[in-house]
Protein backbone atom coordinates (compact mmCIF):
# COMPACT_ATOMS: atom_id res chain seq x y z
CA LEU A 1 101.35 95.22 125.15
CA LEU A 2 99.41 91.82 124.66
CA GLY A 3 99.48 89.85 121.56
CA ALA A 4 96.24 87.89 121.22
CA ASP A 5 95.67 85.67 118.01
CA SER A 6 91.74 84.94 118.28
CA GLY A 7 91.59 82.98 114.58
CA ARG A 8 88.97 80.51 113.78
CA ASP A 9 91.47 77.81 114.79
CA ARG A 10 91.50 79.05 118.26
CA PHE A 11 89.46 78.46 121.45
CA GLY A 12 89.01 81.49 123.03
CA ILE A 13 91.97 84.52 123.31
CA ARG A 14 95.05 83.92 124.66
CA PRO A 15 97.89 85.97 124.61
CA ASP A 16 100.80 84.68 123.47
CA SER A 17 102.85 87.64 123.14
CA ILE A 18 103.39 89.96 126.44
CA SER A 19 105.61 92.47 126.29
CA VAL A 20 105.87 95.58 129.04
CA ILE A 21 107.05 99.05 127.20
CA SER A 22 108.47 101.15 129.96
CA ILE A 23 108.88 104.52 128.61
CA ASN A 24 110.66 107.55 130.65
CA ALA A 25 108.15 110.49 130.85
CA ALA A 26 110.57 112.66 130.39
CA THR A 27 113.29 111.99 127.69
CA GLY A 28 111.28 108.97 125.75
CA GLN A 29 113.95 106.55 126.50
CA ALA A 30 112.60 103.45 126.25
CA VAL A 31 112.88 99.68 127.11
CA ASN A 32 110.50 96.56 125.68
CA ILE A 33 110.37 93.66 128.47
CA GLY A 34 109.58 90.55 126.70
CA LEU A 35 107.86 88.22 129.25
CA PRO A 36 107.79 84.02 127.30
CA ARG A 37 104.29 82.84 127.22
CA ASN A 38 105.24 79.58 129.09
CA LEU A 39 106.17 81.18 132.48
CA GLN A 40 105.18 79.12 135.04
CA HIS A 41 104.62 79.72 139.20
CA VAL A 42 103.83 83.37 138.20
CA GLY A 43 101.78 85.47 141.75
CA PHE A 44 100.04 87.95 141.57
CA VAL A 45 100.52 91.62 143.33
CA ALA A 46 99.68 92.19 146.86
CA GLY A 47 95.71 93.79 146.52
CA SER A 48 94.49 91.30 143.51
CA PRO A 49 91.45 89.75 143.68
CA MET A 50 93.13 86.29 142.30
CA LEU A 51 95.16 86.04 145.79
CA LYS A 52 91.85 84.90 146.88
CA ILE A 53 91.43 82.17 144.01
CA TYR A 54 94.95 81.33 143.92
CA PRO A 55 96.47 82.11 147.26
CA ASN A 56 99.64 79.96 146.44
CA GLY A 57 99.81 81.63 142.97
CA TRP A 58 99.02 80.38 139.21
CA ASN A 59 101.23 77.03 139.93
CA CYS A 60 99.62 74.44 138.80
CA GLY A 61 102.54 73.20 136.30
CA PHE A 62 102.18 73.10 132.62
CA GLU A 63 98.46 73.69 132.35
CA CYS A 64 98.80 77.11 134.15
CA LEU A 65 101.32 79.21 131.76
CA ILE A 66 101.16 82.83 132.32
CA ASN A 67 99.31 82.81 129.02
CA ALA A 68 96.52 81.38 130.26
CA ILE A 69 95.60 83.09 132.96
CA TYR A 70 93.45 85.83 130.77
CA LYS A 71 91.09 82.83 129.34
CA ASP A 72 91.03 81.11 132.64
CA VAL A 73 89.65 84.38 134.47
CA GLU A 74 87.32 85.46 131.31
CA ASP A 75 85.72 81.84 131.61
CA ASN A 76 86.02 81.31 135.15
CA HIS A 77 86.66 84.31 137.41
CA ALA A 78 85.13 87.36 135.63
CA ASP A 79 82.85 87.94 138.79
CA ALA A 80 86.49 89.16 140.43
CA TYR A 81 86.68 92.05 138.27
CA PRO A 82 83.17 93.80 138.34
CA ASP A 83 84.76 97.11 137.06
CA ALA A 84 86.70 95.89 134.47
CA LYS A 85 84.51 96.87 131.69
CA ALA A 86 83.50 99.97 132.99
CA HIS A 87 87.11 101.09 133.06
CA GLY A 88 87.53 100.05 129.52
CA SER A 89 89.47 97.02 130.22
CA THR A 90 88.74 93.21 130.85
CA PRO A 91 88.80 90.82 133.83
CA GLY A 92 91.33 88.56 131.68
CA THR A 93 93.22 91.89 131.16
CA GLU A 94 93.30 93.00 134.54
CA ALA A 95 94.26 89.33 135.87
CA THR A 96 97.16 89.19 133.52
CA ARG A 97 98.30 93.02 134.26
CA GLU A 98 98.49 91.72 138.25
CA ALA A 99 100.49 88.92 137.22
CA VAL A 100 103.07 91.10 135.00
CA GLU A 101 103.18 93.57 137.83
CA TYR A 102 104.56 90.46 139.82
CA VAL A 103 106.83 89.24 137.41
CA THR A 104 108.62 92.57 136.21
CA GLY A 105 108.09 94.61 139.54
CA LEU A 106 107.07 97.32 138.13
CA THR A 107 103.35 99.27 137.89
CA ILE A 108 101.41 99.06 135.02
CA GLN A 109 99.61 102.41 134.02
CA SER A 110 97.84 101.19 130.62
CA TYR A 111 97.44 98.11 128.46
CA VAL A 112 97.07 97.73 124.90
CA LEU A 113 95.99 94.33 123.27
CA VAL A 114 96.59 93.97 120.14
CA ASP A 115 94.39 91.36 117.65
CA MET A 116 97.31 89.45 115.65
CA SER A 117 94.61 88.36 113.22
CA SER A 118 93.71 92.12 111.86
CA PHE A 119 97.26 93.26 112.63
CA LYS A 120 97.80 92.34 109.19
CA GLU A 121 95.08 94.72 107.87
CA LEU A 122 97.50 97.49 109.51
CA ILE A 123 100.93 96.05 107.48
CA ASP A 124 98.76 96.13 104.30
CA ALA A 125 97.43 99.44 104.95
CA LEU A 126 101.23 101.03 105.48
CA GLY A 127 102.59 99.12 102.14
CA GLY A 128 104.35 96.14 104.33
CA ILE A 129 106.82 96.13 106.01
CA ASP A 130 110.67 94.92 105.19
CA ILE A 131 112.55 92.41 107.50
CA ASN A 132 115.53 90.06 106.93
CA VAL A 133 114.62 86.79 107.41
CA LYS A 134 117.33 84.44 109.29
CA GLN A 135 115.88 81.36 108.36
CA ARG A 136 113.40 79.79 105.95
CA LEU A 137 109.84 79.53 107.76
CA PRO A 138 106.55 77.64 106.92
CA ILE A 139 103.33 79.81 106.27
CA GLY A 140 100.59 77.89 107.72
CA GLY A 141 100.94 74.28 108.61
CA GLN A 142 99.64 72.21 111.79
CA LEU A 143 100.46 69.08 111.09
CA ASP A 144 104.54 67.51 112.30
CA ASP A 145 105.42 66.88 108.56
CA LEU A 146 104.13 70.38 107.16
CA SER A 147 102.26 68.43 104.47
CA ASP A 148 99.67 71.64 104.61
CA VAL A 149 101.70 74.47 104.48
CA GLN A 150 101.00 77.27 102.38
CA GLY A 151 103.62 78.61 101.43
CA TRP A 152 107.26 79.52 102.54
CA ILE A 153 108.95 82.31 104.21
CA GLU A 154 112.61 82.61 102.25
CA ALA A 155 115.69 83.84 104.06
CA GLY A 156 117.17 86.96 102.90
CA GLN A 157 115.83 90.38 102.80
CA GLN A 158 111.99 90.55 102.58
CA HIS A 159 109.23 92.87 101.96
CA MET A 160 106.28 91.09 103.52
CA ASP A 161 102.61 91.75 103.41
CA GLY A 162 100.39 91.52 106.18
CA ASN A 163 99.80 87.90 105.82
CA THR A 164 103.32 86.91 105.59
CA ALA A 165 104.29 89.20 108.65
CA LEU A 166 101.55 87.51 110.35
CA TRP A 167 102.93 84.29 109.86
CA TYR A 168 106.85 85.10 110.32
CA ALA A 169 105.55 86.29 114.02
CA ARG A 170 104.01 83.17 114.95
CA SER A 171 105.13 80.31 112.98
CA ARG A 172 106.75 78.03 115.55
CA HIS A 173 107.82 74.96 113.10
CA SER A 174 111.52 74.11 113.75
CA THR A 175 111.97 76.76 116.45
CA SER A 176 111.63 77.93 119.76
CA ASP A 177 108.97 79.96 121.45
CA TYR A 178 112.08 82.33 122.03
CA ASP A 179 112.73 82.66 118.58
CA ARG A 180 109.20 83.37 118.15
CA MET A 181 109.16 86.34 120.71
CA SER A 182 112.35 87.53 118.97
CA ARG A 183 110.62 87.68 115.78
CA GLN A 184 107.56 89.34 117.41
CA HIS A 185 109.94 92.00 118.53
CA GLU A 186 111.18 92.29 114.68
CA VAL A 187 107.63 93.08 113.51
CA GLU A 188 107.18 95.41 116.17
CA GLN A 189 110.62 97.16 115.80
CA ALA A 190 109.59 97.38 112.16
CA VAL A 191 106.24 98.87 112.21
CA LEU A 192 107.80 101.60 114.44
CA SER A 193 111.01 102.30 112.23
CA GLN A 194 109.50 101.90 109.27
CA VAL A 195 105.89 104.39 109.38
CA ASP A 196 106.60 107.60 108.36
CA PRO A 197 104.67 110.90 108.46
CA ALA A 198 103.77 110.72 104.58
CA THR A 199 102.52 107.05 104.63
CA ILE A 200 100.22 107.79 107.83
CA LEU A 201 98.63 110.85 105.42
CA THR A 202 98.49 109.13 102.64
CA ARG A 203 97.06 105.94 104.08
CA PHE A 204 95.02 107.17 106.67
CA GLN A 205 91.86 105.84 106.22
CA ALA A 206 92.84 102.21 105.64
CA ILE A 207 95.39 102.37 108.53
CA ALA A 208 92.36 103.87 111.06
CA SER A 209 90.25 101.22 109.69
CA ALA A 210 92.96 98.48 110.68
CA GLY A 211 93.55 100.30 113.51
CA LYS A 212 89.94 100.33 115.08
CA LYS A 213 89.33 96.29 114.81
CA MET A 214 92.65 95.51 116.07
CA VAL A 215 93.37 97.53 119.53
CA ARG A 216 91.80 97.44 122.62
CA THR A 217 93.11 99.77 125.33
CA ASP A 218 92.49 101.52 128.25
CA ILE A 219 94.62 104.65 127.86
CA PRO A 220 92.76 108.29 128.76
CA SER A 221 91.92 109.73 125.64
CA SER A 222 93.56 112.98 127.17
CA MET A 223 96.58 110.97 127.22
CA LEU A 224 96.82 110.25 123.46
CA SER A 225 98.66 113.36 122.71
CA GLN A 226 101.20 112.80 124.83
CA TYR A 227 101.87 108.87 124.40
CA VAL A 228 102.36 109.80 120.97
CA ASP A 229 104.99 112.68 121.63
CA LEU A 230 106.56 109.89 123.61
CA ALA A 231 106.39 107.49 120.78
CA GLY A 232 108.45 110.08 118.53
CA LYS A 233 110.64 110.54 121.20
CA ALA A 234 111.39 106.77 121.81
CA ARG A 235 111.35 105.69 117.96
CA THR A 236 114.40 108.53 117.81
CA LEU A 237 116.38 107.35 120.55
CA GLY A 238 115.64 103.78 120.02
CA ILE A 239 113.88 100.88 121.85
CA LYS A 240 116.52 98.57 124.27
CA GLU A 241 115.34 95.17 124.30
CA LEU A 242 115.25 92.67 127.50
CA SER A 243 114.00 89.70 127.28
CA LEU A 244 112.91 87.46 130.27
CA VAL A 245 113.78 84.34 128.85
CA PRO A 246 116.41 80.86 129.18
CA PRO A 247 119.12 80.76 129.98
CA ALA A 248 119.06 84.23 131.37
CA ILE A 249 116.04 83.07 133.34
CA ASP A 250 114.17 79.51 134.67
CA VAL A 251 110.87 79.78 133.33
CA ILE A 252 109.69 76.94 135.44
CA HIS A 253 111.08 77.78 138.50
CA PRO A 254 111.66 81.92 137.95
CA ASN A 255 113.78 83.65 140.45
CA PHE A 256 111.59 86.79 140.87
CA THR A 257 113.57 88.84 142.58
CA ALA A 258 116.76 88.19 140.16
CA ILE A 259 114.37 89.35 137.53
CA HIS A 260 113.26 92.50 139.28
CA GLU A 261 116.76 93.27 139.12
CA MET A 262 117.14 92.75 135.21
CA VAL A 263 114.42 95.10 135.00
CA LYS A 264 116.25 97.98 136.92
CA LYS A 265 119.10 97.70 135.52
CA SER A 266 117.77 97.64 131.88
CA PHE A 267 116.68 101.25 132.77
CA VAL A 268 120.41 102.46 133.42
CA THR A 269 121.65 104.06 130.23
CA ASP A 270 125.22 105.65 130.34
CA GLY A 271 125.67 105.33 133.68
CA THR A 272 122.53 107.07 134.85
CA LYS A 273 119.05 105.38 135.98
CA GLU A 274 116.18 106.40 133.97
């Protein structure tokens, strides 16, 4: 699951939100594995065409964060994935998928790329979401002194429209990237937990319109009904969270063997392996 922010103030796409949703196909038990956008020294799985271009992995320091793979490949190495478009994907998506597989040790069957700018339209179509805000956050604002802030999200229980929810998820001032990841997961969970069939039916046209602009995926249409069924089960059971962030991992020099073990352990429920 890639959350890409391609607004007018941004040059190209960088998926600032990267998660793997792993779902047990029998029970619907799900784990949301969050990867930090600033993860360094990432490799690519065996067989990836990126290994010919970067045989030592994506490891040029601060310029080679995992979220920059998408744009680098789109701009410079798209020919490494000549069949991506025909399969409903893009070269940047495929390279990012192979990097995420390397990090997690998992095989990624499908991707969903969400345009965060359009995400606010979906939340508006749903009638907003409710979130308990832990600390005051600015809406807008690129300057260090916050003199260009458009408004504030106050601490406490809030019913958010799409614009407010987007800024809640993307705000960086006075918080870390890892706080930002946590808030993004809060927004995802709020959408999953607060949407009900009545809302879908009464707001169907607006939701469909927002979704068409928001989502790009290679999930086969023949699988959609099964994914919807699994999503319903996951919602009922609850989605476990595994955030690959400090202090649990070192984002500059990650121990990928240890990360693979963390991922495996996240699938264990009540002493049994999912």
